[in-house]
Amino acid sequence: MSDQPSQIDLDGRLQSPHRPPAPDAKLYTGPDEFFTGNFNFLDLKDAAPGEAEWLRWARLRAFEGLDPMIEVLAVADGLPPAAFKLLGKRQAPISSLTWIVNLLTPAPSTRDGWWLLSAQSDYAKNGCSSQSMMIWNADGQPIAQGMQSVAIFA
């Protein structure tokens, strides 16, 4: 939606204290045959202490000229389910049941293509995981919040 006049101004605890990767940071890219092969990533392992939590910088490898709404939705899907961390090195099939993304700005933008992604599993039992997600731009401004329910066949 577009901005509307409002007397309400609250962003709670949504400001991010993390800064984008340095130009010399050691990034990684997923396998080319998978969706993640379209990204550069930098995990913030020490900043995501939860056993079922991800915190990762993501940048599409080819983002210039891309519509910002499409870029944000592609980036929003750049993390595996947070409950996957509970599997350790084991692998298991998954299937998204629901995926909701709430944009917090009518014009998402960032610098140098970097977006900070967060996912935290709030519940994982009986083959189902529910997680909350967040996206910030490179300046630490909240861009989108999300929620996902995932079936994990393990």
Protein backbone atom coordinates (compact mmCIF):
# COMPACT_ATOMS: atom_id res chain seq x y z
CA MET A 1 0.00 0.00 0.00
CA SER A 2 1.11 3.57 -0.35
CA ASP A 3 1.97 5.78 2.62
CA GLN A 4 -1.06 7.25 4.38
CA PRO A 5 -1.26 10.19 6.77
CA SER A 6 -1.15 8.82 10.32
CA GLN A 7 -0.63 9.89 13.91
CA ILE A 8 0.85 6.47 14.69
CA ASP A 9 4.64 5.99 14.52
CA LEU A 10 5.91 2.72 15.98
CA ASP A 11 8.54 0.33 14.73
CA GLY A 12 9.08 -1.49 18.02
CA ARG A 13 12.22 -3.58 18.06
CA LEU A 14 12.54 -3.79 14.31
CA GLN A 15 15.69 -1.69 13.76
CA SER A 16 18.69 -3.82 12.83
CA PRO A 17 22.08 -3.14 14.44
CA HIS A 18 23.93 -5.15 11.75
CA ARG A 19 25.79 -3.63 8.81
CA PRO A 20 26.21 -5.13 5.32
CA PRO A 21 29.20 -7.32 4.52
CA ALA A 22 32.52 -5.61 3.93
CA PRO A 23 33.72 -5.60 0.31
CA ASP A 24 36.35 -8.24 1.21
CA ALA A 25 33.95 -10.50 3.18
CA LYS A 26 34.07 -14.19 2.30
CA LEU A 27 30.68 -14.78 0.66
CA TYR A 28 29.21 -18.01 -0.55
CA THR A 29 26.76 -18.92 -3.29
CA GLY A 30 24.41 -21.87 -3.41
CA PRO A 31 24.64 -24.51 -6.15
CA ASP A 32 23.74 -23.13 -9.59
CA GLU A 33 21.07 -25.78 -10.15
CA PHE A 34 19.09 -24.54 -7.12
CA PHE A 35 17.26 -21.29 -6.41
CA THR A 36 19.99 -20.25 -3.98
CA GLY A 37 22.52 -20.22 -6.83
CA ASN A 38 21.08 -16.78 -7.69
CA PHE A 39 22.43 -15.24 -4.46
CA ASN A 40 25.56 -14.23 -2.60
CA PHE A 41 25.24 -14.93 1.14
CA LEU A 42 27.01 -14.13 4.39
CA ASP A 43 25.72 -15.91 7.52
CA LEU A 44 25.92 -14.10 10.86
CA LYS A 45 26.29 -17.25 12.93
CA ASP A 46 27.39 -15.52 16.13
CA ALA A 47 24.50 -13.03 15.95
CA ALA A 48 21.83 -15.75 15.61
CA PRO A 49 22.35 -17.73 18.81
CA GLY A 50 19.01 -19.57 18.77
CA GLU A 51 19.14 -23.26 17.94
CA ALA A 52 16.46 -22.72 15.26
CA GLU A 53 17.34 -19.26 14.01
CA TRP A 54 19.00 -17.86 10.85
CA LEU A 55 20.51 -14.41 10.34
CA ARG A 56 21.98 -13.94 6.90
CA TRP A 57 22.91 -11.17 4.49
CA ALA A 58 21.65 -11.94 0.98
CA ARG A 59 22.13 -10.25 -2.37
CA LEU A 60 20.84 -11.39 -5.73
CA ARG A 61 23.78 -11.92 -8.06
CA ALA A 62 21.94 -10.00 -10.80
CA PHE A 63 19.83 -7.33 -9.10
CA GLU A 64 20.43 -4.20 -11.17
CA GLY A 65 17.34 -3.13 -13.09
CA LEU A 66 15.10 -5.58 -11.23
CA ASP A 67 11.78 -4.26 -9.97
CA PRO A 68 12.26 -3.68 -6.19
CA MET A 69 9.07 -5.59 -5.30
CA ILE A 70 10.25 -8.64 -7.23
CA GLU A 71 13.70 -8.34 -5.65
CA VAL A 72 12.27 -8.26 -2.11
CA LEU A 73 10.02 -11.27 -2.72
CA ALA A 74 12.88 -13.26 -4.24
CA VAL A 75 15.14 -12.34 -1.32
CA ALA A 76 12.38 -13.19 1.18
CA ASP A 77 12.63 -16.80 -0.01
CA GLY A 78 16.43 -16.89 0.36
CA LEU A 79 16.54 -18.68 3.71
CA PRO A 80 15.79 -22.32 4.45
CA PRO A 81 13.26 -22.96 7.21
CA ALA A 82 14.82 -22.10 10.57
CA ALA A 83 13.78 -25.49 12.00
CA PHE A 84 16.17 -27.10 9.48
CA LYS A 85 18.97 -26.20 11.88
CA LEU A 86 17.50 -28.73 14.32
CA LEU A 87 18.34 -31.54 11.88
CA GLY A 88 22.08 -30.97 12.14
CA LYS A 89 23.79 -32.49 9.10
CA ARG A 90 20.84 -34.74 8.24
CA GLN A 91 18.71 -33.83 5.23
CA ALA A 92 14.96 -34.12 4.88
CA PRO A 93 12.30 -33.14 2.36
CA ILE A 94 10.25 -30.04 3.16
CA SER A 95 7.14 -28.38 1.81
CA SER A 96 5.85 -24.87 2.48
CA LEU A 97 2.28 -24.90 3.72
CA THR A 98 1.80 -21.14 4.03
CA TRP A 99 4.03 -18.16 3.28
CA ILE A 100 2.99 -14.61 4.17
CA VAL A 101 5.05 -11.50 3.46
CA ASN A 102 3.91 -8.12 4.80
CA LEU A 103 5.70 -5.20 3.17
CA LEU A 104 6.42 -2.38 5.61
CA THR A 105 7.16 0.25 2.98
CA PRO A 106 5.57 1.14 -0.36
CA ALA A 107 9.01 1.50 -1.99
CA PRO A 108 11.55 -1.08 -0.78
CA SER A 109 15.15 -0.16 -1.52
CA THR A 110 18.66 -0.92 -0.32
CA ARG A 111 22.30 -0.15 -1.10
CA ASP A 112 24.46 -2.45 -3.21
CA GLY A 113 21.71 -5.08 -3.32
CA TRP A 114 22.21 -6.23 0.31
CA TRP A 115 19.27 -7.34 2.46
CA LEU A 116 19.46 -8.79 5.98
CA LEU A 117 17.21 -11.82 6.46
CA SER A 118 16.08 -13.34 9.73
CA ALA A 119 14.04 -16.48 10.38
CA GLN A 120 13.22 -17.97 13.75
CA SER A 121 11.24 -21.12 14.34
CA ASP A 122 8.62 -20.48 16.99
CA TYR A 123 7.28 -24.05 17.00
CA ALA A 124 8.53 -27.32 15.52
CA LYS A 125 6.79 -30.59 16.39
CA ASN A 126 4.99 -33.45 14.69
CA GLY A 127 6.48 -32.66 11.27
CA CYS A 128 5.34 -29.03 11.28
CA SER A 129 7.29 -25.84 11.86
CA SER A 130 5.98 -22.31 12.27
CA GLN A 131 8.44 -19.46 11.86
CA SER A 132 8.56 -15.69 11.86
CA MET A 133 10.79 -13.81 9.41
CA MET A 134 12.15 -10.30 8.94
CA ILE A 135 13.94 -8.35 6.18
CA TRP A 136 15.95 -5.16 6.67
CA ASN A 137 17.73 -3.04 4.07
CA ALA A 138 21.46 -2.20 4.24
CA ASP A 139 20.69 0.88 6.38
CA GLY A 140 18.96 -1.25 9.04
CA GLN A 141 15.44 -0.12 8.14
CA PRO A 142 12.69 -2.75 8.40
CA ILE A 143 11.33 -3.62 4.95
CA ALA A 144 9.14 -6.70 5.42
CA GLN A 145 7.90 -9.18 8.00
CA GLY A 146 6.74 -12.67 7.26
CA MET A 147 5.42 -15.89 8.62
CA GLN A 148 5.70 -19.40 7.26
CA SER A 149 4.40 -22.84 8.09
CA VAL A 150 6.53 -25.71 6.79
CA ALA A 151 6.09 -29.48 6.74
CA ILE A 152 9.40 -31.22 7.54
CA PHE A 153 9.43 -34.91 6.72
CA ALA A 154 11.93 -36.04 9.35
